[in-house]
């Protein structure tokens, strides 16, 4: 038997749009989770409405995983259609196993050149043998056999996933899975990753089907970054959402639509991004914590109205699930390239918050915190997620329940001469909600004096600019502004989804050289200069890692903070994700200089 030794296994299921690889991948993750594994499930697809290419990208491990591995151990090709469009996202090597249907025809050069072992698996023929069977279920059964997931477990997943379908279809799916498992058992190949010493005694990948699973050591959830962000928003108190669908943020809205109703909230699908941003400003002005979700093109359209919310001091949350740009760019791929527009895209001096979660689990915390901050300071907050976080699913430990919920300072009793924008401690003045007797005031985009009436006086303009800046700069963000770990005179700063690959790369390098401290800011603006300096105290060299073409975060840090010692950058654009091995090689070379 050919075996590859690792503490995780990475699997790719590929095919044309409609081949069902995403469904099969999701079911595989669910079965692995029920068996006690952690996992990460991403997807690759083209920008077509229908058809095109598709791939389900799964990594299973005995420990939480937040990044794709360097190579795939198993690739199952239901067909070869359009695979050249995304073959560079499917790194293979001599130890990789490719299962392909002989009916697919000639193996593409990009696959043949990888040196991977190619084994024929007649998925289409086996599917036909099962009445109404489908090749994707044959592929699922084959992979399950190779990694030791039992038939009974898969049966439960099929029943749960296809519960709304006809019993005949569920039976056909089970029959196709059984055919795939039986065929894979005759191939003489498999994977058997070794468990690390501290791993719980779960069944080994590659163990015989039917081996008894050990229950997960703690409650685990399977959710996407978009779902996690939606949950965080609800926990933070958001009760109104208005948005226009856009890839890759739409799933957040789809999750929020039914779940908002469960807590008494409402979601409106607006006619466009301009309408959605203005709707949430109106709802928040009325006293309801509000949110919209979009991607880069939508954020560009919303910029003027976000400035209105800054001027009128109306709290809102805007989630930007970033994708490759500029313009329409690459809608279905990930890239950290909206940082500059989030930081600097509003005209005039318009202080606002910019935050970024560092992983799928952190999407829950960061969105809840963002709502809290926006409400507490009466300011817009832009949260930068991205496609790799938003549309990927992960098996994670249940996020902790956190106490903070958005609370704004309101004027409950208003006397004569109420001044909405009067000077106040910390820059946050009480906000009279509509209907408060005596609390009427003007809230628009014109500069104003303390009462809210429009003013072009120099003194009023200067006082309001200072007030709006001071309230976000002087706020006590506590320890949540960043995640900090490690020690030593070398440091790495990264942000957002890049953090997962960076953390794994540092784990691989641990013990093989000088230690490295890691700083992952969750609050990007306002930049916490004093806290960052304290986190980097004693460091001689710093490496900034990010996924965009122009090193946006590196230049932001260099221009707005006094980083100690030598500061260098490692950056590259998408659509390929940052991988731990790639970063470990770069970090090792940087550390050696």
Protein backbone atom coordinates (compact mmCIF):
# COMPACT_ATOMS: atom_id res chain seq x y z
CA UNK A 1 0.00 0.00 0.00
CA UNK A 2 1.19 3.50 -0.83
CA UNK A 3 0.91 5.78 2.20
CA UNK A 4 1.67 9.41 2.92
CA UNK A 5 2.43 10.37 6.51
CA UNK A 6 1.07 13.68 7.77
CA UNK A 7 -1.06 15.04 10.58
CA UNK A 8 -3.67 16.24 8.09
CA UNK A 9 -5.03 15.24 4.71
CA UNK A 10 -6.03 17.59 1.87
CA UNK A 11 -8.56 16.54 -0.74
CA UNK A 12 -9.77 18.25 -3.92
CA UNK A 13 -12.92 17.26 -5.78
CA UNK A 14 -13.09 18.86 -9.21
CA UNK A 15 -15.53 19.03 -12.08
CA UNK A 16 -17.53 21.37 -14.24
CA UNK A 17 -20.33 23.47 -12.80
CA UNK A 18 -23.26 21.19 -11.97
CA UNK A 19 -21.09 18.13 -11.32
CA UNK A 20 -21.95 18.34 -7.64
CA UNK A 21 -18.44 18.58 -6.22
CA UNK A 22 -19.40 21.32 -3.74
CA UNK A 23 -22.23 19.17 -2.39
CA UNK A 24 -19.93 16.16 -2.07
CA UNK A 25 -17.26 18.26 -0.38
CA UNK A 26 -19.72 19.66 2.14
CA UNK A 27 -20.95 16.16 2.97
CA UNK A 28 -17.38 14.94 3.39
CA UNK A 29 -16.65 17.74 5.86
CA UNK A 30 -19.82 16.93 7.78
CA UNK A 31 -18.95 13.24 8.02
CA UNK A 32 -15.39 14.01 9.14
CA UNK A 33 -16.70 16.41 11.77
CA UNK A 34 -19.06 13.77 13.15
CA UNK A 35 -16.07 11.44 13.37
CA UNK A 36 -14.21 13.90 15.60
CA UNK A 37 -12.07 15.78 13.10
CA UNK A 38 -11.46 19.47 12.58
CA UNK A 39 -11.59 20.67 9.01
CA UNK A 40 -11.55 23.50 6.50
CA UNK A 41 -13.62 23.46 3.32
CA UNK A 42 -13.02 26.05 0.64
CA UNK A 43 -14.27 26.26 -2.87
CA UNK A 44 -12.98 27.47 -6.18
CA UNK A 45 -15.31 28.51 -8.97
CA UNK A 46 -15.32 30.68 -12.02
CA UNK A 47 -17.36 33.88 -12.37
CA UNK A 48 -19.96 32.29 -14.64
CA UNK A 49 -23.61 32.28 -13.62
CA UNK A 50 -23.87 28.63 -14.67
CA UNK A 51 -21.32 26.10 -15.85
CA UNK A 52 -17.63 26.79 -15.75
CA UNK A 53 -15.20 25.17 -13.35
CA UNK A 54 -15.69 24.12 -9.74
CA UNK A 55 -13.60 22.54 -7.01
CA UNK A 56 -14.25 21.55 -3.41
CA UNK A 57 -11.04 21.94 -1.40
CA UNK A 58 -11.04 20.12 1.96
CA UNK A 59 -8.39 19.79 4.64
CA UNK A 60 -9.00 17.47 7.61
CA UNK A 61 -6.86 17.33 10.72
CA UNK A 62 -6.79 16.46 14.42
CA UNK A 63 -6.24 20.11 15.26
CA UNK A 64 -8.01 23.30 14.15
CA UNK A 65 -6.96 24.38 10.67
CA UNK A 66 -7.19 27.92 9.34
CA UNK A 67 -5.31 27.66 6.04
CA UNK A 68 -5.02 25.27 3.09
CA UNK A 69 -1.98 22.98 3.13
CA UNK A 70 0.89 23.14 0.63
CA UNK A 71 -0.31 20.23 -1.51
CA UNK A 72 -3.29 17.99 -2.02
CA UNK A 73 -2.85 14.32 -1.20
CA UNK A 74 -5.99 13.32 -3.12
CA UNK A 75 -7.55 14.88 -6.21
CA UNK A 76 -10.72 13.35 -7.61
CA UNK A 77 -11.61 14.58 -11.11
CA UNK A 78 -15.20 13.85 -12.03
CA UNK A 79 -14.34 15.48 -15.34
CA UNK A 80 -11.46 17.56 -16.78
CA UNK A 81 -13.60 20.41 -18.07
CA UNK A 82 -11.96 23.81 -17.57
CA UNK A 83 -9.48 22.46 -15.03
CA UNK A 84 -6.70 24.47 -16.66
CA UNK A 85 -8.43 27.63 -15.40
CA UNK A 86 -7.67 26.82 -11.78
CA UNK A 87 -5.02 24.10 -11.89
CA UNK A 88 -2.50 26.40 -10.16
CA UNK A 89 -4.85 26.37 -7.14
CA UNK A 90 -4.48 22.56 -6.96
CA UNK A 91 -0.81 21.96 -6.10
CA UNK A 92 0.13 18.29 -6.48
CA UNK A 93 3.34 16.33 -6.10
CA UNK A 94 4.79 12.83 -6.53
CA UNK A 95 3.05 11.70 -3.33
CA UNK A 96 -0.35 12.88 -4.54
CA UNK A 97 -3.04 10.53 -5.78
CA UNK A 98 -5.29 11.51 -8.69
CA UNK A 99 -8.48 9.53 -9.22
CA UNK A 100 -9.94 10.21 -12.65
CA UNK A 101 -12.72 8.69 -14.69
CA UNK A 102 -11.31 7.02 -17.82
CA UNK A 103 -14.29 8.47 -19.66
CA UNK A 104 -12.80 11.93 -19.10
CA UNK A 105 -10.34 11.41 -21.92
CA UNK A 106 -6.73 12.56 -22.08
CA UNK A 107 -5.19 13.76 -18.85
CA UNK A 108 -4.44 17.51 -19.01
CA UNK A 109 -0.75 18.40 -19.17
CA UNK A 110 -1.02 20.50 -15.99
CA UNK A 111 -1.98 17.34 -14.10
CA UNK A 112 0.42 14.97 -15.85
CA UNK A 113 3.37 17.29 -15.23
CA UNK A 114 2.81 17.21 -11.46
CA UNK A 115 4.19 13.70 -11.15
CA UNK A 116 1.15 12.59 -9.16
CA UNK A 117 0.09 8.95 -9.32
CA UNK A 118 -2.91 8.59 -11.64
CA UNK A 119 -5.48 5.87 -10.93
CA UNK A 120 -8.60 5.26 -12.99
CA UNK A 121 -11.95 5.18 -11.21
CA UNK A 122 -15.01 4.72 -13.47
CA UNK A 123 -17.29 7.06 -11.55
CA UNK A 124 -19.81 7.57 -14.34
CA UNK A 125 -20.11 3.83 -14.99
CA UNK A 126 -20.49 3.04 -11.30
CA UNK A 127 -23.11 5.76 -10.93
CA UNK A 128 -25.19 4.31 -13.76
CA UNK A 129 -25.25 0.97 -11.99
CA UNK A 130 -27.09 2.62 -9.08
CA UNK A 131 -30.54 3.77 -10.15
CA UNK A 132 -30.42 7.61 -10.28
CA UNK A 133 -26.91 7.50 -8.83
CA UNK A 134 -24.53 10.39 -9.49
CA UNK A 135 -20.76 10.39 -10.02
CA UNK A 136 -20.22 12.92 -7.22
CA UNK A 137 -21.60 10.42 -4.69
CA UNK A 138 -19.31 7.73 -6.11
CA UNK A 139 -16.41 10.15 -5.62
CA UNK A 140 -17.55 10.83 -2.04
CA UNK A 141 -17.61 7.12 -1.27
CA UNK A 142 -14.18 6.57 -2.78
CA UNK A 143 -12.58 9.37 -0.76
CA UNK A 144 -14.32 8.22 2.42
CA UNK A 145 -12.90 4.75 1.92
CA UNK A 146 -9.38 6.10 1.40
CA UNK A 147 -9.42 8.12 4.64
CA UNK A 148 -11.30 5.65 6.82
CA UNK A 149 -14.79 7.14 7.15
CA UNK A 150 -17.40 4.44 7.61
CA UNK A 151 -20.50 3.74 5.54
CA UNK A 152 -22.87 4.13 8.50
CA UNK A 153 -21.54 7.62 9.21
CA UNK A 154 -21.92 8.65 5.57
CA UNK A 155 -25.44 7.29 5.59
CA UNK A 156 -26.39 9.60 8.44
CA UNK A 157 -24.91 12.57 6.59
CA UNK A 158 -26.81 11.68 3.42
CA UNK A 159 -30.06 11.40 5.36
CA UNK A 160 -29.47 14.75 7.05
CA UNK A 161 -28.34 16.57 3.90
CA UNK A 162 -31.01 15.19 1.59
CA UNK A 163 -33.83 15.03 4.13
CA UNK A 164 -36.04 17.22 1.93
CA UNK A 165 -35.45 15.03 -1.13
CA UNK A 166 -37.36 11.94 -2.18
CA UNK A 167 -36.50 8.67 -0.46
CA UNK A 168 -35.58 7.23 -3.86
CA UNK A 169 -32.90 9.89 -4.33
CA UNK A 170 -31.44 9.26 -0.88
CA UNK A 171 -31.31 5.54 -1.61
CA UNK A 172 -29.60 6.21 -4.96
CA UNK A 173 -27.01 8.41 -3.25
CA UNK A 174 -26.26 5.73 -0.67
CA UNK A 175 -25.94 3.11 -3.39
CA UNK A 176 -23.50 5.30 -5.33
CA UNK A 177 -21.46 5.93 -2.17
CA UNK A 178 -21.30 2.21 -1.51
CA UNK A 179 -20.14 1.59 -5.08
CA UNK A 180 -17.41 4.20 -4.68
CA UNK A 181 -16.23 2.73 -1.38
CA UNK A 182 -16.10 -0.79 -2.83
CA UNK A 183 -14.17 0.39 -5.88
CA UNK A 184 -11.68 2.37 -3.82
CA UNK A 185 -11.00 -0.64 -1.60
CA UNK A 186 -9.58 -2.47 -4.62
CA UNK A 187 -7.16 0.29 -5.66
CA UNK A 188 -4.40 -0.58 -3.21
CA UNK A 189 -3.80 3.03 -2.18
CA UNK A 190 -4.60 5.05 0.91
CA UNK A 191 -3.55 7.72 3.30
CA UNK A 192 -2.69 7.23 6.96
CA UNK A 193 -1.62 10.43 8.67
CA UNK A 194 0.06 9.97 12.01
CA UNK A 195 -1.50 11.64 15.02
CA UNK A 196 0.71 14.07 16.93
CA UNK A 197 1.46 13.01 20.53
CA UNK A 198 -1.08 15.40 22.03
CA UNK A 199 -3.89 14.39 19.68
CA UNK A 200 -7.01 12.77 21.16
CA UNK A 201 -7.41 9.06 20.34
CA UNK A 202 -9.62 9.47 17.28
CA UNK A 203 -9.60 6.82 14.54
CA UNK A 204 -6.55 7.10 12.27
CA UNK A 205 -7.14 8.34 8.77
CA UNK A 206 -6.91 5.19 6.71
CA UNK A 207 -8.25 2.93 9.47
CA UNK A 208 -10.78 0.28 8.40
CA UNK A 209 -14.29 1.54 7.72
CA UNK A 210 -16.47 1.10 10.76
CA UNK A 211 -13.74 1.84 13.30
CA UNK A 212 -15.48 3.36 16.34
CA UNK A 213 -15.13 7.14 16.41
CA UNK A 214 -14.37 9.01 19.60
CA UNK A 215 -16.76 11.89 20.32
CA UNK A 216 -15.26 15.36 19.87
CA UNK A 217 -13.56 16.58 23.07
CA UNK A 218 -15.76 19.68 23.13
CA UNK A 219 -18.78 21.04 21.30
CA UNK A 220 -17.85 21.95 17.76
CA UNK A 221 -19.59 23.97 15.12
CA UNK A 222 -19.38 23.83 11.35
CA UNK A 223 -19.96 27.22 9.80
CA UNK A 224 -18.65 29.60 7.15
CA UNK A 225 -17.07 32.98 7.74
CA UNK A 226 -20.16 34.66 6.33
CA UNK A 227 -22.37 32.75 8.76
CA UNK A 228 -19.99 33.50 11.63
CA UNK A 229 -20.06 37.20 10.77
CA UNK A 230 -23.85 37.13 10.72
CA UNK A 231 -23.92 35.45 14.12
CA UNK A 232 -21.53 38.03 15.54
CA UNK A 233 -23.70 40.83 14.21
CA UNK A 234 -26.79 39.36 15.89
CA UNK A 235 -24.90 38.87 19.15
CA UNK A 236 -23.81 42.49 18.95
CA UNK A 237 -27.40 43.69 18.69
CA UNK A 238 -27.95 44.27 14.95
CA UNK A 239 -31.67 44.13 14.23
CA UNK A 240 -31.92 45.71 10.77
CA UNK A 241 -30.03 44.72 7.62
CA UNK A 242 -30.41 46.17 4.14
CA UNK A 243 -28.22 44.92 1.32
CA UNK A 244 -27.93 44.21 -2.37
CA UNK A 245 -26.61 40.73 -3.29
CA UNK A 246 -22.99 40.57 -4.42
CA UNK A 247 -20.37 37.82 -4.56
CA UNK A 248 -18.90 36.78 -2.15
CA UNK A 249 -21.03 38.47 0.54
CA UNK A 250 -24.45 37.14 -0.46
CA UNK A 251 -24.35 34.08 1.81
CA UNK A 252 -24.10 36.34 4.84
CA UNK A 253 -27.39 37.93 3.84
CA UNK A 254 -28.95 34.55 3.11
CA UNK A 255 -28.03 33.39 6.61
CA UNK A 256 -29.23 36.60 8.25
CA UNK A 257 -32.59 36.69 6.45
CA UNK A 258 -34.24 33.87 8.49
CA UNK A 259 -32.18 34.32 11.64
CA UNK A 260 -32.87 38.04 12.04
CA UNK A 261 -36.55 37.22 12.23
CA UNK A 262 -35.93 34.87 15.16
CA UNK A 263 -34.70 37.80 17.27
CA UNK A 264 -37.27 40.30 16.07
CA UNK A 265 -35.14 41.87 13.34
CA UNK A 266 -35.72 42.60 9.66
CA UNK A 267 -33.73 42.23 6.44
CA UNK A 268 -34.57 44.19 3.29
CA UNK A 269 -33.10 43.41 -0.13
CA UNK A 270 -32.51 46.87 -1.53
CA UNK A 271 -32.53 47.78 -5.21
CA UNK A 272 -28.82 48.65 -5.14
CA UNK A 273 -25.92 49.47 -2.85
CA UNK A 274 -26.80 53.15 -2.65
CA UNK A 275 -30.24 52.32 -1.34
CA UNK A 276 -28.94 49.75 1.14
CA UNK A 277 -26.42 52.06 2.81
CA UNK A 278 -28.98 54.86 3.11
CA UNK A 279 -31.57 52.47 4.51
CA UNK A 280 -29.30 51.37 7.33
CA UNK A 281 -28.37 54.97 8.12
CA UNK A 282 -32.08 55.75 8.41
CA UNK A 283 -32.79 52.72 10.57
CA UNK A 284 -29.86 53.48 12.86
CA UNK A 285 -30.93 57.13 13.13
CA UNK A 286 -34.21 55.73 14.40
CA UNK A 287 -32.37 53.79 17.13
CA UNK A 288 -31.93 50.30 15.62
CA UNK A 289 -28.39 48.90 15.28
CA UNK A 290 -27.98 48.30 11.55
CA UNK A 291 -25.67 46.61 9.06
CA UNK A 292 -25.05 46.04 5.39
CA UNK A 293 -22.76 43.55 3.68
CA UNK A 294 -21.09 44.00 0.29
CA UNK A 295 -17.81 43.60 -1.57
CA UNK A 296 -15.34 46.07 -3.07
CA UNK A 297 -17.51 47.47 -5.90
CA UNK A 298 -20.38 47.99 -3.47
CA UNK A 299 -18.14 49.66 -0.89
CA UNK A 300 -17.01 52.13 -3.56
CA UNK A 301 -20.63 53.07 -4.25
CA UNK A 302 -21.35 53.48 -0.53
CA UNK A 303 -18.45 55.78 0.28
CA UNK A 304 -20.37 59.09 0.08
CA UNK A 305 -23.12 57.86 2.37
CA UNK A 306 -20.61 56.42 4.86
CA UNK A 307 -19.25 59.97 5.02
CA UNK A 308 -22.78 61.16 5.79
CA UNK A 309 -22.90 58.74 8.73
CA UNK A 310 -19.55 60.13 9.94
CA UNK A 311 -20.80 63.74 9.77
CA UNK A 312 -24.18 62.97 11.35
CA UNK A 313 -22.59 60.63 13.92
CA UNK A 314 -24.91 57.74 13.09
CA UNK A 315 -23.52 54.29 13.97
CA UNK A 316 -23.54 51.69 11.19
CA UNK A 317 -21.57 48.55 10.32
CA UNK A 318 -20.48 47.79 6.74
CA UNK A 319 -19.02 44.34 6.05
CA UNK A 320 -16.79 44.17 2.97
CA UNK A 321 -16.17 40.56 1.95
CA UNK A 322 -13.19 41.36 -0.29
CA UNK A 323 -12.49 39.80 -3.68
CA UNK A 324 -9.91 40.28 -6.39
CA UNK A 325 -10.03 43.69 -8.06
CA UNK A 326 -10.03 46.29 -9.46
CA UNK A 327 -13.49 46.82 -10.95
CA UNK A 328 -15.31 43.51 -11.42
CA UNK A 329 -11.92 41.83 -11.08
CA UNK A 330 -12.13 38.20 -9.98
CA UNK A 331 -15.44 37.98 -8.10
CA UNK A 332 -15.01 34.40 -6.88
CA UNK A 333 -11.42 34.63 -5.61
CA UNK A 334 -9.88 36.15 -2.51
CA UNK A 335 -7.54 39.10 -2.09
CA UNK A 336 -6.79 41.62 0.68
CA UNK A 337 -6.89 44.53 -1.73
CA UNK A 338 -9.67 46.75 -0.35
CA UNK A 339 -7.62 48.00 2.60
CA UNK A 340 -6.79 51.36 1.04
CA UNK A 341 -10.38 52.20 0.10
CA UNK A 342 -11.59 51.14 3.55
CA UNK A 343 -8.98 53.36 5.23
CA UNK A 344 -8.91 56.34 2.88
CA UNK A 345 -11.91 56.06 0.55
CA UNK A 346 -14.09 58.70 2.22
CA UNK A 347 -13.75 62.30 1.07
CA UNK A 348 -12.77 64.99 3.54
CA UNK A 349 -11.53 64.24 7.04
CA UNK A 350 -13.89 61.42 8.00
CA UNK A 351 -12.70 59.40 11.02
CA UNK A 352 -14.21 55.92 11.14
CA UNK A 353 -13.37 52.41 12.29
CA UNK A 354 -11.80 49.65 10.17
CA UNK A 355 -11.58 46.13 11.57
CA UNK A 356 -10.57 42.73 10.23
CA UNK A 357 -11.21 39.23 11.63
CA UNK A 358 -8.22 36.87 11.56
CA UNK A 359 -10.13 33.67 10.90
CA UNK A 360 -13.56 32.08 10.56
CA UNK A 361 -14.04 31.72 14.32
CA UNK A 362 -12.81 35.28 14.83
CA UNK A 363 -15.54 36.55 12.49
CA UNK A 364 -18.00 35.98 15.35
CA UNK A 365 -15.97 38.02 17.82
CA UNK A 366 -14.94 40.80 15.44
CA UNK A 367 -18.46 41.49 14.18
CA UNK A 368 -19.87 41.54 17.70
CA UNK A 369 -17.09 43.89 18.78
CA UNK A 370 -17.57 46.07 15.69
CA UNK A 371 -21.25 46.58 16.51
CA UNK A 372 -20.33 47.41 20.10
CA UNK A 373 -17.73 49.96 19.01
CA UNK A 374 -19.93 51.57 16.38
CA UNK A 375 -22.80 52.00 18.83
CA UNK A 376 -20.61 53.16 21.71
CA UNK A 377 -18.87 55.82 19.62
CA UNK A 378 -21.73 56.63 17.21
CA UNK A 379 -19.47 56.05 14.21
CA UNK A 380 -19.39 53.89 11.04
CA UNK A 381 -17.36 50.68 11.24
CA UNK A 382 -16.06 48.92 8.11
CA UNK A 383 -15.19 45.24 8.66
CA UNK A 384 -12.86 43.64 6.11
CA UNK A 385 -13.54 39.95 5.62
CA UNK A 386 -12.70 38.25 2.30
CA UNK A 387 -13.77 35.43 0.01
CA UNK A 388 -11.46 32.88 1.62
CA UNK A 389 -13.03 33.56 5.01
CA UNK A 390 -16.57 34.28 3.92
CA UNK A 391 -17.19 31.34 1.62
CA UNK A 392 -15.08 28.72 3.41
CA UNK A 393 -16.50 26.43 6.06
CA UNK A 394 -14.57 25.29 9.11
CA UNK A 395 -15.10 22.87 11.94
CA UNK A 396 -14.29 24.98 15.00
CA UNK A 397 -14.67 24.84 18.75
CA UNK A 398 -17.84 26.62 19.83
CA UNK A 399 -17.14 30.37 20.07
CA UNK A 400 -17.38 31.76 23.58
CA UNK A 401 -20.42 33.80 24.57
CA UNK A 402 -19.28 37.39 25.07
CA UNK A 403 -20.92 39.98 27.25
CA UNK A 404 -20.60 43.16 25.23
CA UNK A 405 -23.59 44.26 23.18
CA UNK A 406 -23.87 47.53 21.29
CA UNK A 407 -25.18 50.31 23.52
CA UNK A 408 -25.34 53.91 22.40
CA UNK A 409 -25.57 56.94 24.62
CA UNK A 410 -29.06 58.33 24.17
CA UNK A 411 -30.74 61.44 25.50
CA UNK A 412 -33.65 60.10 27.53
CA UNK A 413 -34.82 63.44 28.89
CA UNK A 414 -34.21 66.51 26.76
CA UNK A 415 -34.55 69.98 28.11
CA UNK A 416 -34.83 73.25 26.24
CA UNK A 417 -31.96 74.02 23.91
CA UNK A 418 -30.90 70.42 23.25
CA UNK A 419 -27.58 70.36 21.40
CA UNK A 420 -27.01 67.05 19.65
CA UNK A 421 -23.36 67.71 18.78
CA UNK A 422 -22.25 69.57 21.90
CA UNK A 423 -18.81 68.95 23.32
CA UNK A 424 -18.87 65.92 25.62
CA UNK A 425 -16.51 63.69 27.51
CA UNK A 426 -14.74 61.43 25.03
CA UNK A 427 -16.40 63.24 22.14
CA UNK A 428 -19.62 61.18 22.34
CA UNK A 429 -22.70 63.32 22.92
CA UNK A 430 -26.15 61.95 23.81
CA UNK A 431 -28.29 61.10 20.78
CA UNK A 432 -31.99 61.90 20.98
CA UNK A 433 -33.99 59.26 19.14
CA UNK A 434 -36.93 60.34 16.96
CA UNK A 435 -39.99 60.95 19.09
CA UNK A 436 -38.06 62.16 22.14
CA UNK A 437 -39.94 65.32 23.29
CA UNK A 438 -37.77 68.33 22.61
CA UNK A 439 -35.11 66.20 20.95
CA UNK A 440 -35.60 67.31 17.37
CA UNK A 441 -32.38 68.15 15.53
CA UNK A 442 -30.97 68.34 12.02
CA UNK A 443 -28.85 65.35 10.96
CA UNK A 444 -27.42 65.67 7.46
CA UNK A 445 -24.13 65.89 5.64
CA UNK A 446 -23.63 69.61 6.00
CA UNK A 447 -21.14 70.81 8.56
CA UNK A 448 -22.92 72.06 11.63
CA UNK A 449 -22.56 73.63 15.02
CA UNK A 450 -23.40 72.00 18.37
CA UNK A 451 -27.17 72.19 17.73
CA UNK A 452 -26.97 70.45 14.35
CA UNK A 453 -27.93 73.52 12.33
CA UNK A 454 -25.72 73.96 9.24
CA UNK A 455 -22.70 76.17 9.78
CA UNK A 456 -19.69 77.18 7.71
CA UNK A 457 -17.96 78.99 10.57
CA UNK A 458 -14.31 78.09 11.02
CA UNK A 459 -14.76 77.53 14.75
CA UNK A 460 -17.66 75.12 14.27
CA UNK A 461 -15.88 73.16 11.55
CA UNK A 462 -12.73 72.82 13.61
CA UNK A 463 -14.62 71.85 16.76
CA UNK A 464 -16.66 69.15 15.00
CA UNK A 465 -13.59 67.75 13.21
CA UNK A 466 -11.82 67.49 16.56
CA UNK A 467 -14.85 65.94 18.23
CA UNK A 468 -15.26 63.23 15.57
CA UNK A 469 -11.56 62.39 15.61
CA UNK A 470 -11.15 62.46 19.36
CA UNK A 471 -13.94 60.02 20.11
CA UNK A 472 -12.31 57.18 18.17
CA UNK A 473 -8.71 58.01 19.09
CA UNK A 474 -9.33 58.32 22.83
CA UNK A 475 -11.61 55.30 23.19
CA UNK A 476 -10.36 52.47 25.41
CA UNK A 477 -10.20 49.45 23.08
CA UNK A 478 -8.60 47.24 25.72
CA UNK A 479 -6.70 44.15 24.67
CA UNK A 480 -9.02 43.32 21.78
CA UNK A 481 -7.22 45.60 19.31
CA UNK A 482 -4.80 42.78 18.34
CA UNK A 483 -3.85 39.17 18.93
CA UNK A 484 -0.24 38.99 20.14
CA UNK A 485 1.87 35.88 20.71
CA UNK A 486 5.50 34.82 20.94
CA UNK A 487 8.61 36.73 21.90
CA UNK A 488 12.09 37.58 20.65
CA UNK A 489 13.74 40.36 18.68
CA UNK A 490 12.08 39.33 15.40
CA UNK A 491 8.44 40.13 14.69
CA UNK A 492 5.83 39.47 12.04
CA UNK A 493 2.77 41.65 11.55
CA UNK A 494 -0.10 40.38 9.44
CA UNK A 495 -3.84 40.87 9.23
CA UNK A 496 -7.10 39.26 8.22
CA UNK A 497 -7.17 35.87 6.55
CA UNK A 498 -3.39 35.84 6.06
CA UNK A 499 -3.04 35.17 9.78
CA UNK A 500 -4.03 31.51 9.49
CA UNK A 501 -1.23 30.60 7.09
CA UNK A 502 1.27 32.73 9.01
CA UNK A 503 0.45 31.02 12.30
CA UNK A 504 0.89 27.57 10.79
CA UNK A 505 4.17 28.59 9.14
CA UNK A 506 5.51 29.80 12.49
CA UNK A 507 4.39 26.55 14.09
CA UNK A 508 6.43 24.60 11.55
CA UNK A 509 9.48 26.74 12.26
CA UNK A 510 9.20 26.58 16.04
CA UNK A 511 12.37 25.28 17.64
CA UNK A 512 14.45 25.55 14.46
CA UNK A 513 15.77 29.07 14.99
CA UNK A 514 15.33 32.31 16.89
CA UNK A 515 11.79 32.85 18.24
CA UNK A 516 9.42 35.21 16.45
CA UNK A 517 6.64 37.25 17.96
CA UNK A 518 3.42 37.65 16.00
CA UNK A 519 1.11 40.67 16.01
CA UNK A 520 -2.26 40.39 14.25
CA UNK A 521 -4.17 43.69 14.56
CA UNK A 522 -7.93 43.28 14.65
CA UNK A 523 -8.45 47.05 14.76
CA UNK A 524 -6.79 48.59 11.70
CA UNK A 525 -8.12 52.13 12.10
CA UNK A 526 -7.56 54.07 14.14
CA UNK A 527 -4.10 52.55 14.25
CA UNK A 528 -3.09 52.00 17.85
CA UNK A 529 0.41 53.43 17.63
CA UNK A 530 1.31 53.27 21.33
CA UNK A 531 -0.03 49.73 21.73
CA UNK A 532 1.76 48.59 18.58
CA UNK A 533 5.02 50.11 19.80
CA UNK A 534 4.61 48.26 23.10
CA UNK A 535 3.90 44.99 21.31
CA UNK A 536 7.09 45.42 19.25
CA UNK A 537 9.29 46.70 22.06
CA UNK A 538 12.74 45.13 21.81
CA UNK A 539 12.40 43.93 18.23
CA UNK A 540 15.14 44.65 15.73
CA UNK A 541 13.41 43.49 12.54
CA UNK A 542 9.82 43.20 11.43
CA UNK A 543 8.26 41.43 8.45
CA UNK A 544 4.80 42.50 7.23
CA UNK A 545 2.85 39.78 5.39
CA UNK A 546 -0.32 40.35 3.36
CA UNK A 547 -2.16 39.24 0.20
CA UNK A 548 -2.30 42.12 -2.23
CA UNK A 549 -0.17 43.46 -5.06
CA UNK A 550 0.92 46.81 -3.65
CA UNK A 551 1.78 46.05 -0.01
CA UNK A 552 -1.05 48.24 1.24
CA UNK A 553 -0.75 47.31 4.92
CA UNK A 554 3.04 47.66 4.88
CA UNK A 555 2.83 51.21 3.52
CA UNK A 556 0.02 52.09 5.93
CA UNK A 557 2.10 50.96 8.90
CA UNK A 558 5.22 52.74 7.62
CA UNK A 559 3.31 55.96 7.05
CA UNK A 560 1.30 56.03 10.29
CA UNK A 561 3.49 54.41 12.95
CA UNK A 562 7.07 54.42 14.15
CA UNK A 563 8.06 50.76 13.80
CA UNK A 564 11.40 49.88 15.42
CA UNK A 565 14.36 48.57 13.46
CA UNK A 566 14.28 47.28 9.91
CA UNK A 567 10.85 46.69 8.39
CA UNK A 568 10.38 44.64 5.22
CA UNK A 569 7.40 43.32 3.29
CA UNK A 570 6.28 40.03 1.82
CA UNK A 571 3.18 40.44 -0.28
CA UNK A 572 1.56 38.99 -3.35
CA UNK A 573 -1.92 39.13 -4.86
CA UNK A 574 -4.50 36.35 -5.19
CA UNK A 575 -6.18 34.32 -6.42
CA UNK A 576 -3.90 31.62 -5.02
CA UNK A 577 -4.11 31.52 -1.22
CA UNK A 578 -1.07 32.07 0.95
CA UNK A 579 0.20 28.64 1.99
CA UNK A 580 2.12 27.73 5.15
CA UNK A 581 5.06 26.15 3.32
CA UNK A 582 5.48 29.15 1.07
CA UNK A 583 5.52 31.46 4.09
CA UNK A 584 7.79 29.20 6.13
CA UNK A 585 10.36 29.31 3.32
CA UNK A 586 10.12 33.09 3.10
CA UNK A 587 10.29 33.55 6.88
CA UNK A 588 13.26 31.20 7.18
CA UNK A 589 15.17 33.17 4.55
CA UNK A 590 14.24 36.49 6.19
CA UNK A 591 15.27 35.24 9.61
CA UNK A 592 18.63 34.11 8.26
CA UNK A 593 19.57 37.50 6.77
